[in-house]
C-alpha cells in the first residue's frame, strides 16, 4: 500500500531552493533514506513529507498520519524528563485506544493499554527494539545521539502512524551504532510502517531505498538575488 508519494517536490524561498525535483514513493513496510551533504535540504524535505513543512513545487500525497522521530530543533527529548517519563507522557496524551479505531499495529495498541503498568517495556517491545541501548531512568539531557534516535522512534511508534520519519540518524554515532540504528529502522519497516530517514550516507549492508539530494550533478540552489535597499527578508529556512 502506497503511503507517501512525492513528484517533482521542491521548496523555494527568497533565498533560493531548499530542495528541488524530488521524486519519492514509499509503500508500507519499506525503509527509505534521504542522503546528502549538510545544507542539502534533508531536514526540510522530511518535515514536508510528514506534513509539518510546506512545499512550493510539485505534488505530495500521503495516506494516513505521520509521526516524527528525532528531528533536532523541532522534535527532541525534554532535558528534564527521564526516558520512562517521556513514554508515559506520550501515552497519556494519546489517551485510550478508541473502540472504533482505524487499523493500528497491535504492538502500538498494547503499549497504549499498558501505560499504567509497565509503559517502558511495552513501548520498547511494541517498536521491536527490545535490544535498544536505552535506560528508562536516564534524563533527556544525558542521552547520547543514538539514544535520542531510539527514544524518538519509540515515541513515534506509539500512535501507530502510517509514516515515521527520523532525521540525521547517523549523526554523532560510531560504526557499530550506525549499523544498529539502520537495522532498527528496518525492523520498524518490517512491522508495516513506511519509514523515511535522513543521513549523510547509508551504512553498508543496510537494506534501504536511497534518494540522494544536493549533489553537484543535481540542480543546485539558486543564487540569492540582490535586494533593494530597505527590502526586508523575513523568510527562514530549516537547515538540514
Protein backbone atom coordinates (compact mmCIF):
# COMPACT_ATOMS: atom_id res chain seq x y z
CA UNK A 1 0.00 0.00 0.00
CA UNK A 2 1.39 3.35 -1.05
CA UNK A 3 1.82 5.62 2.00
CA UNK A 4 3.62 8.70 0.68
CA UNK A 5 4.32 9.84 -2.86
CA UNK A 6 6.24 12.95 -3.89
CA UNK A 7 6.56 14.01 -7.51
CA UNK A 8 8.81 16.88 -8.56
CA UNK A 9 8.72 18.15 -4.98
CA UNK A 10 10.54 21.37 -4.26
CA UNK A 11 10.74 24.21 -1.78
CA UNK A 12 11.92 27.63 -2.90
CA UNK A 13 12.24 30.69 -0.70
CA UNK A 14 13.50 34.18 -1.43
CA UNK A 15 16.97 32.87 -0.65
CA UNK A 16 16.76 30.16 -3.30
CA UNK A 17 15.98 26.47 -3.44
CA UNK A 18 15.97 24.49 -0.19
CA UNK A 19 15.46 21.25 -2.17
CA UNK A 20 14.03 20.56 -5.60
CA UNK A 21 12.95 17.92 -8.12
CA UNK A 22 12.46 15.19 -5.51
CA UNK A 23 10.60 12.03 -6.55
CA UNK A 24 9.90 9.55 -3.76
CA UNK A 25 7.30 6.82 -3.33
CA UNK A 26 7.23 4.75 -0.13
CA UNK A 27 4.96 1.79 0.49
CA UNK A 28 4.01 0.31 3.84
CA UNK A 29 6.85 -1.89 5.02
CA UNK A 30 9.58 -0.01 3.17
CA UNK A 31 12.63 1.82 4.51
CA UNK A 32 13.80 4.84 2.53
CA UNK A 33 16.83 7.03 3.13
CA UNK A 34 17.29 10.64 2.06
CA UNK A 35 21.02 11.26 1.89
CA UNK A 36 23.13 14.27 1.08
CA UNK A 37 25.63 16.75 2.49
CA UNK A 38 24.77 19.28 5.22
CA UNK A 39 22.65 22.08 3.80
CA UNK A 40 21.11 19.90 1.09
CA UNK A 41 17.59 20.27 2.49
CA UNK A 42 17.24 16.82 4.03
CA UNK A 43 15.51 18.00 7.22
CA UNK A 44 13.12 20.29 5.37
CA UNK A 45 12.21 17.50 2.95
CA UNK A 46 11.47 15.06 5.78
CA UNK A 47 9.27 17.60 7.54
CA UNK A 48 7.44 18.23 4.27
CA UNK A 49 6.81 14.51 3.76
CA UNK A 50 5.40 14.35 7.30
CA UNK A 51 3.10 17.32 6.70
CA UNK A 52 4.99 19.64 9.06
CA UNK A 53 6.56 21.92 6.43
CA UNK A 54 5.33 23.49 3.18
CA UNK A 55 6.45 22.92 -0.38
CA UNK A 56 6.22 25.29 -3.32
CA UNK A 57 6.68 22.94 -6.28
CA UNK A 58 5.42 19.51 -7.25
CA UNK A 59 2.83 17.23 -5.71
CA UNK A 60 2.69 15.38 -2.41
CA UNK A 61 0.17 12.70 -1.43
CA UNK A 62 0.18 10.89 1.90
CA UNK A 63 -2.13 8.17 3.18
CA UNK A 64 -2.85 8.36 6.90
CA UNK A 65 -0.97 10.08 9.73
CA UNK A 66 2.77 10.61 10.05
CA UNK A 67 4.90 10.76 13.20
CA UNK A 68 8.25 12.41 13.85
CA UNK A 69 11.18 10.65 15.38
CA UNK A 70 14.21 12.66 16.45
CA UNK A 71 14.48 15.93 14.50
CA UNK A 72 17.00 18.33 16.03
CA UNK A 73 15.50 21.70 16.87
CA UNK A 74 11.99 20.50 16.05
CA UNK A 75 11.22 17.29 17.93
CA UNK A 76 13.69 16.48 20.68
CA UNK A 77 13.68 14.93 24.18
CA UNK A 78 12.79 17.14 27.12
CA UNK A 79 16.04 17.51 29.09
CA UNK A 80 14.20 17.34 32.43
CA UNK A 81 12.27 14.10 31.80
CA UNK A 82 13.53 10.55 32.01
CA UNK A 83 13.07 8.11 29.15
CA UNK A 84 10.25 6.38 31.03
CA UNK A 85 8.56 9.71 31.74
CA UNK A 86 8.71 10.63 28.05
CA UNK A 87 6.88 7.41 27.21
CA UNK A 88 4.31 7.81 29.99
CA UNK A 89 3.63 11.40 28.96
CA UNK A 90 3.14 10.45 25.31
CA UNK A 91 0.76 7.62 26.20
CA UNK A 92 -1.27 9.89 28.46
CA UNK A 93 -1.52 12.47 25.67
CA UNK A 94 -2.63 9.82 23.20
CA UNK A 95 -5.30 8.59 25.60
CA UNK A 96 -7.08 5.23 25.47
CA UNK A 97 -7.49 3.38 22.21
CA UNK A 98 -10.96 4.16 20.83
CA UNK A 99 -13.32 1.23 20.38
CA UNK A 100 -13.94 2.08 16.76
CA UNK A 101 -10.40 2.74 15.73
CA UNK A 102 -8.66 2.71 12.41
CA UNK A 103 -6.14 -0.01 11.73
CA UNK A 104 -3.32 0.47 14.25
CA UNK A 105 -0.47 -2.05 14.70
CA UNK A 106 -1.29 -4.47 17.51
CA UNK A 107 2.00 -3.65 19.25
CA UNK A 108 1.10 0.05 19.43
CA UNK A 109 -2.33 -0.79 20.86
CA UNK A 110 -0.79 -2.99 23.55
CA UNK A 111 1.66 -0.25 24.54
CA UNK A 112 -1.14 2.30 24.86
CA UNK A 113 -3.19 -0.06 27.02
CA UNK A 114 -0.20 -0.78 29.27
CA UNK A 115 0.65 2.80 30.21
CA UNK A 116 -0.44 2.31 33.83
CA UNK A 117 1.54 -0.91 34.25
CA UNK A 118 4.89 -1.13 32.53
CA UNK A 119 4.80 1.50 29.82
CA UNK A 120 8.52 1.42 29.09
CA UNK A 121 8.74 -2.34 28.46
CA UNK A 122 5.53 -2.34 26.41
CA UNK A 123 6.64 0.59 24.28
CA UNK A 124 10.10 -0.84 23.61
CA UNK A 125 8.63 -4.22 22.70
CA UNK A 126 5.96 -2.56 20.58
CA UNK A 127 8.60 -0.82 18.50
CA UNK A 128 10.56 -4.06 18.15
CA UNK A 129 13.55 -2.51 19.90
CA UNK A 130 13.98 -4.75 22.93
CA UNK A 131 17.75 -4.71 22.35
CA UNK A 132 17.78 -0.90 22.40
CA UNK A 133 20.58 0.81 24.36
CA UNK A 134 18.09 2.78 26.44
CA UNK A 135 17.91 3.24 30.22
CA UNK A 136 14.39 4.16 31.41
CA UNK A 137 15.85 6.27 34.25
CA UNK A 138 18.17 8.33 32.05
CA UNK A 139 17.28 12.00 31.61
CA UNK A 140 16.80 13.56 28.19
CA UNK A 141 19.74 15.90 28.69
CA UNK A 142 22.08 12.92 29.20
CA UNK A 143 21.09 10.87 26.15
CA UNK A 144 23.69 10.08 23.53
CA UNK A 145 22.88 10.75 19.86
CA UNK A 146 21.87 7.13 19.23
CA UNK A 147 19.77 7.03 22.41
CA UNK A 148 17.93 10.16 21.27
CA UNK A 149 17.20 8.45 17.97
CA UNK A 150 15.91 5.34 19.70
CA UNK A 151 13.63 7.30 22.01
CA UNK A 152 12.30 9.28 19.06
CA UNK A 153 11.46 6.07 17.17
CA UNK A 154 9.74 4.52 20.19
CA UNK A 155 7.64 7.63 20.78
CA UNK A 156 6.75 7.86 17.09
CA UNK A 157 5.53 4.27 17.01
CA UNK A 158 3.13 4.70 19.93
CA UNK A 159 0.43 6.43 17.88
CA UNK A 160 0.53 3.71 15.22
CA UNK A 161 1.17 6.08 12.28
CA UNK A 162 1.45 5.03 8.66
CA UNK A 163 4.66 7.01 8.18
CA UNK A 164 7.62 7.53 10.55
CA UNK A 165 10.40 10.00 9.69
CA UNK A 166 13.71 10.43 11.53
CA UNK A 167 16.44 12.94 10.81
CA UNK A 168 20.24 12.62 10.81
CA UNK A 169 20.19 9.05 12.06
CA UNK A 170 23.95 8.69 11.61
CA UNK A 171 24.92 11.91 13.42
CA UNK A 172 27.37 11.53 16.30
CA UNK A 173 27.48 7.74 16.16
CA UNK A 174 30.24 5.23 15.52
CA UNK A 175 30.13 2.34 13.04
CA UNK A 176 28.52 -0.26 15.38
CA UNK A 177 25.87 2.27 16.45
CA UNK A 178 25.12 3.17 12.83
CA UNK A 179 24.80 -0.49 11.95
CA UNK A 180 22.39 -0.98 14.85
CA UNK A 181 20.21 2.06 14.06
CA UNK A 182 19.79 1.07 10.40
CA UNK A 183 18.82 -2.44 11.49
CA UNK A 184 16.33 -0.94 13.97
CA UNK A 185 14.81 1.21 11.23
CA UNK A 186 14.48 -1.91 9.11
CA UNK A 187 12.65 -3.71 11.92
CA UNK A 188 10.18 -0.84 12.16
CA UNK A 189 9.55 -1.10 8.43
CA UNK A 190 9.05 -4.86 8.82
CA UNK A 191 6.16 -4.08 11.18
CA UNK A 192 4.33 -2.34 8.36
CA UNK A 193 5.35 1.29 8.78
CA UNK A 194 6.69 3.33 5.91
CA UNK A 195 9.96 4.71 7.31
CA UNK A 196 11.92 7.60 5.80
CA UNK A 197 15.21 8.55 7.47
CA UNK A 198 17.82 11.11 6.54
CA UNK A 199 21.57 10.67 6.84
CA UNK A 200 24.81 11.76 5.27
CA UNK A 201 25.21 8.23 3.91
CA UNK A 202 23.62 4.80 4.24
CA UNK A 203 25.54 2.26 6.29
CA UNK A 204 26.94 -0.55 4.09
CA UNK A 205 24.74 -3.63 4.21
CA UNK A 206 21.54 -1.78 5.10
CA UNK A 207 18.50 -2.77 3.03
CA UNK A 208 17.12 0.60 2.05
CA UNK A 209 15.88 2.61 -0.93
CA UNK A 210 18.21 5.61 -1.16
CA UNK A 211 17.34 9.07 -2.51
CA UNK A 212 20.39 11.30 -2.89
CA UNK A 213 19.82 15.07 -2.92
CA UNK A 214 22.10 18.10 -3.04
CA UNK A 215 24.83 16.57 -5.21
CA UNK A 216 26.64 18.71 -7.81
CA UNK A 217 25.07 16.57 -10.56
CA UNK A 218 21.61 17.58 -9.37
CA UNK A 219 20.04 21.04 -9.79
CA UNK A 220 21.82 23.39 -7.43
CA UNK A 221 20.21 26.07 -5.24
CA UNK A 222 19.57 29.35 -6.96
CA UNK A 223 21.77 32.28 -6.07
CA UNK A 224 20.27 34.92 -3.83
CA UNK A 225 19.05 37.81 -5.94
CA UNK A 226 20.25 41.27 -4.87
CA UNK A 227 17.70 43.11 -2.76
CA UNK A 228 16.84 46.74 -2.98
CA UNK A 229 17.77 48.97 -0.07
CA UNK A 230 15.29 48.65 2.77
CA UNK A 231 13.86 45.40 1.43
CA UNK A 232 13.39 43.04 4.37
CA UNK A 233 13.67 39.29 4.12
CA UNK A 234 11.71 37.57 6.85
CA UNK A 235 11.83 34.13 5.27
CA UNK A 236 13.55 31.48 7.34
CA UNK A 237 14.72 28.06 6.32
CA UNK A 238 15.09 24.86 8.27
CA UNK A 239 18.67 23.74 7.89
CA UNK A 240 19.38 20.13 7.19
